[in-house]
Protein backbone atom coordinates (compact mmCIF):
# COMPACT_ATOMS: atom_id res chain seq x y z
CA MET A 1 103.50 36.28 163.42
CA PRO A 2 106.91 36.42 161.22
CA PRO A 3 109.62 38.34 162.71
CA GLU A 4 110.53 41.79 162.25
CA SER A 5 112.95 42.32 159.53
CA PRO A 6 115.91 45.11 160.97
CA PRO A 7 114.99 47.90 160.06
CA ARG A 8 116.34 49.52 156.34
CA ARG A 9 119.34 51.62 156.71
CA ARG A 10 118.49 54.93 154.80
CA ARG A 11 120.93 55.66 151.92
CA ASP A 12 123.09 58.76 151.78
CA PRO A 13 124.72 59.24 148.73
CA GLU A 14 126.81 62.15 149.59
CA ARG A 15 127.98 60.51 152.72
CA ARG A 16 129.52 56.91 150.68
CA ILE A 17 130.69 59.78 147.93
CA ALA A 18 132.70 61.62 151.03
CA GLU A 19 133.42 57.76 151.91
CA ILE A 20 134.90 56.82 148.52
CA ALA A 21 137.23 60.27 148.11
CA ALA A 22 138.35 59.54 151.74
CA ALA A 23 139.48 55.76 151.26
CA THR A 24 141.00 57.07 147.79
CA GLU A 25 143.08 59.78 149.24
CA ARG A 26 144.43 57.03 151.46
CA VAL A 27 144.81 54.51 148.71
CA ILE A 28 147.21 57.30 146.79
CA ALA A 29 148.74 58.28 150.35
CA GLU A 30 149.77 54.62 150.27
CA ARG A 31 150.35 53.31 146.84
CA GLY A 32 150.54 56.16 144.52
CA ILE A 33 148.56 57.17 141.63
CA GLU A 34 150.07 54.09 140.17
CA GLY A 35 148.49 52.09 142.62
CA LEU A 36 144.70 53.66 142.43
CA THR A 37 141.89 51.20 141.53
CA HIS A 38 138.48 51.18 142.23
CA ARG A 39 138.86 47.67 143.85
CA ALA A 40 141.60 49.32 146.10
CA VAL A 41 139.50 52.36 146.57
CA ALA A 42 136.51 50.13 147.59
CA GLU A 43 138.05 47.49 150.11
CA GLU A 44 139.84 50.41 151.30
CA ALA A 45 136.51 52.83 152.22
CA GLY A 46 134.69 48.75 153.32
CA VAL A 47 132.14 49.67 149.86
CA PRO A 48 131.31 47.34 147.22
CA LEU A 49 133.20 47.68 143.84
CA GLY A 50 129.78 48.30 142.31
CA ALA A 51 129.89 51.49 144.66
CA THR A 52 132.81 53.06 143.31
CA THR A 53 132.10 52.96 139.66
CA TYR A 54 128.30 53.85 140.12
CA HIS A 55 129.84 57.06 141.59
CA PHE A 56 133.01 57.37 139.95
CA ALA A 57 132.95 56.19 136.44
CA THR A 58 136.51 56.24 135.78
CA LYS A 59 140.16 56.64 137.76
CA ASP A 60 140.19 60.14 136.72
CA ASP A 61 137.19 60.67 138.22
CA LEU A 62 138.46 59.19 141.77
CA ILE A 63 141.75 61.51 141.23
CA GLN A 64 139.42 64.50 140.75
CA ALA A 65 137.40 63.77 143.27
CA ALA A 66 140.61 63.33 145.87
CA LEU A 67 142.28 66.34 144.58
CA GLN A 68 139.14 68.50 145.21
CA ARG A 69 139.14 67.47 148.94
CA ALA A 70 142.48 67.96 149.34
CA TYR A 71 142.11 71.43 148.13
CA GLU A 72 138.92 72.36 149.93
CA ARG A 73 141.00 71.35 153.13
CA TYR A 74 144.45 72.90 152.73
CA ALA A 75 142.10 76.18 151.41
CA ALA A 76 140.36 75.85 154.79
CA MET A 77 143.65 75.90 156.57
CA LEU A 78 145.33 78.77 154.58
CA GLN A 79 142.24 80.85 155.71
CA GLU A 80 142.35 80.00 159.17
CA TRP A 81 146.09 80.08 159.35
CA VAL A 82 145.82 84.15 158.07
CA ALA A 83 142.51 85.04 160.32
CA GLN A 84 144.61 83.95 163.41
CA ARG A 85 147.69 85.81 162.15
CA PRO A 86 146.58 89.33 160.51
CA LEU A 87 149.99 91.15 161.64
CA LEU A 88 153.54 89.63 161.11
CA THR A 89 157.09 90.88 160.09
CA GLY A 90 159.09 89.49 157.19
CA ASN A 91 161.07 87.25 159.98
CA GLN A 92 157.93 85.93 161.28
CA LEU A 93 156.65 84.78 158.03
CA VAL A 94 159.51 83.38 157.44
CA VAL A 95 159.83 81.32 160.94
CA LEU A 96 156.28 80.25 160.64
CA LEU A 97 156.00 79.50 157.08
CA THR A 98 159.36 77.17 157.74
CA ASP A 99 157.49 75.50 160.19
CA ALA A 100 154.76 74.87 157.96
CA LEU A 101 157.02 73.18 155.40
CA MET A 102 158.76 71.15 157.97
CA SER A 103 155.24 69.63 159.37
CA CYS A 104 155.04 68.42 155.68
CA PHE A 105 158.32 66.19 156.20
CA GLY A 106 156.97 65.12 159.35
CA PRO A 107 153.27 64.46 160.71
CA GLN A 108 151.57 66.04 157.89
CA ARG A 109 153.74 64.02 155.15
CA ALA A 110 150.66 61.49 154.09
CA ASP A 111 148.66 64.96 152.62
CA GLU A 112 151.57 66.17 151.46
CA VAL A 113 152.20 63.15 149.15
CA VAL A 114 148.77 62.86 148.11
CA GLU A 115 148.33 66.52 146.94
CA LEU A 116 151.70 66.20 145.00
CA GLU A 117 150.98 62.92 143.73
CA LEU A 118 147.83 64.49 142.81
CA TYR A 119 149.35 67.77 141.58
CA LEU A 120 151.72 65.80 139.48
CA ALA A 121 148.89 63.80 137.68
CA ALA A 122 147.76 67.00 136.13
CA LEU A 123 150.64 66.60 133.62
CA ARG A 124 149.04 64.48 131.75
CA ARG A 125 145.09 64.70 133.05
CA PRO A 126 144.21 67.96 131.69
CA ALA A 127 141.18 68.37 133.49
CA LEU A 128 143.06 68.56 136.92
CA ARG A 129 144.96 71.74 135.94
CA PRO A 130 142.04 74.05 137.14
CA LEU A 131 142.13 72.47 140.45
CA VAL A 132 146.37 72.94 140.21
CA ASP A 133 145.81 76.21 139.49
CA GLN A 134 143.63 76.75 142.77
CA TYR A 135 146.39 75.38 145.23
CA THR A 136 148.73 77.98 143.56
CA GLU A 137 145.92 80.68 143.71
CA ALA A 138 145.34 79.82 147.40
CA THR A 139 148.56 79.90 148.55
CA THR A 140 150.03 82.85 146.67
CA ASN A 141 146.84 84.70 148.04
CA ALA A 142 147.58 83.98 151.74
CA LEU A 143 150.96 85.30 151.45
CA LEU A 144 149.47 89.06 150.05
CA PRO A 145 148.56 90.02 153.16
CA TYR A 146 152.45 90.00 153.72
CA THR A 147 153.64 90.98 150.88
CA ASP A 148 153.40 91.78 147.36
CA PRO A 149 152.01 89.99 144.71
CA VAL A 150 155.88 89.30 142.88
CA THR A 151 157.30 87.96 146.05
CA ALA A 152 154.35 85.97 146.70
CA ARG A 153 154.37 84.65 143.56
CA ALA A 154 158.02 83.74 144.27
CA ALA A 155 157.60 82.32 147.60
CA THR A 156 154.80 80.25 146.54
CA ALA A 157 156.73 78.64 143.41
CA VAL A 158 159.68 78.08 146.02
CA MET A 159 157.55 76.23 148.66
CA ASN A 160 156.08 74.05 146.14
CA GLY A 161 159.87 73.20 145.06
CA LEU A 162 161.07 72.90 148.68
CA THR A 163 157.97 70.53 149.27
CA LEU A 164 158.47 68.55 146.25
CA ARG A 165 162.29 67.62 146.84
CA GLY A 166 161.75 67.50 150.66
CA LEU A 167 159.27 64.53 149.80
CA ALA A 168 161.15 63.22 147.22
CA ALA A 169 164.88 63.39 148.13
CA SER A 170 166.61 60.84 150.27
CA ARG A 171 166.66 63.48 152.85
CA PRO A 172 164.57 66.39 153.29
CA PRO A 173 165.95 69.93 153.35
CA THR A 174 167.14 70.98 157.11
CA ARG A 175 165.51 73.97 158.74
CA ALA A 176 168.10 76.35 158.45
CA GLU A 177 168.23 75.46 154.50
CA VAL A 178 164.77 76.23 154.48
CA GLU A 179 165.01 79.55 156.60
CA ASP A 180 167.64 80.87 154.47
CA ILE A 181 165.69 79.88 151.29
CA LEU A 182 162.56 81.45 152.75
CA ALA A 183 164.27 84.65 154.00
CA ARG A 184 165.95 85.27 150.68
CA VAL A 185 162.82 85.08 148.87
CA LEU A 186 160.93 87.34 151.48
CA THR A 187 163.16 89.60 152.52
CA PRO A 188 165.92 91.57 150.11
CA ASN A 189 169.25 90.68 149.64
CA PRO A 190 171.35 92.67 152.04
CA ALA A 191 174.55 91.88 149.48
CA LEU A 192 172.59 93.62 147.00
CA PRO A 193 173.21 97.32 146.14
CA ALA A 194 169.90 99.74 147.40
């Protein structure tokens, strides 16, 4: 009697796609967009090179998948953040947003690097711009329970700038600097006439 062959592993294309997209994020975090290749992603994901090219024909397809994945994670985090904080004063909002930004320069740095690498990739890849718009809209919408639409848009722009500066500069801004800037954007300037 011939020996039994091991049971065939069932293919799960959705899981494989998710593994490749996650590996793409890790490669981008480590090497940047410039270092992103199908081969690097295949090695990181532990899959054959053909699996990456089968599911993602081009480098832009890999970038799109990673950006979508990063956006979904970010949007879910924002929804949870707002749900846990239904009412905040202006000062509380400044402190909590400062906490969030400071974590971008520490424990959340890799996630932020990926998001900004992908965000900046949209400069040259117009197909990515709708997802970048979603990032901006999600951030602004998360601020709307606490402030007016113009202030929410201004705070979104300022936080994007602070994050980029903090990740790209030789030293990130201090907590006091971030708090001062956010307080100026989110609360009226006391030096101006009423």
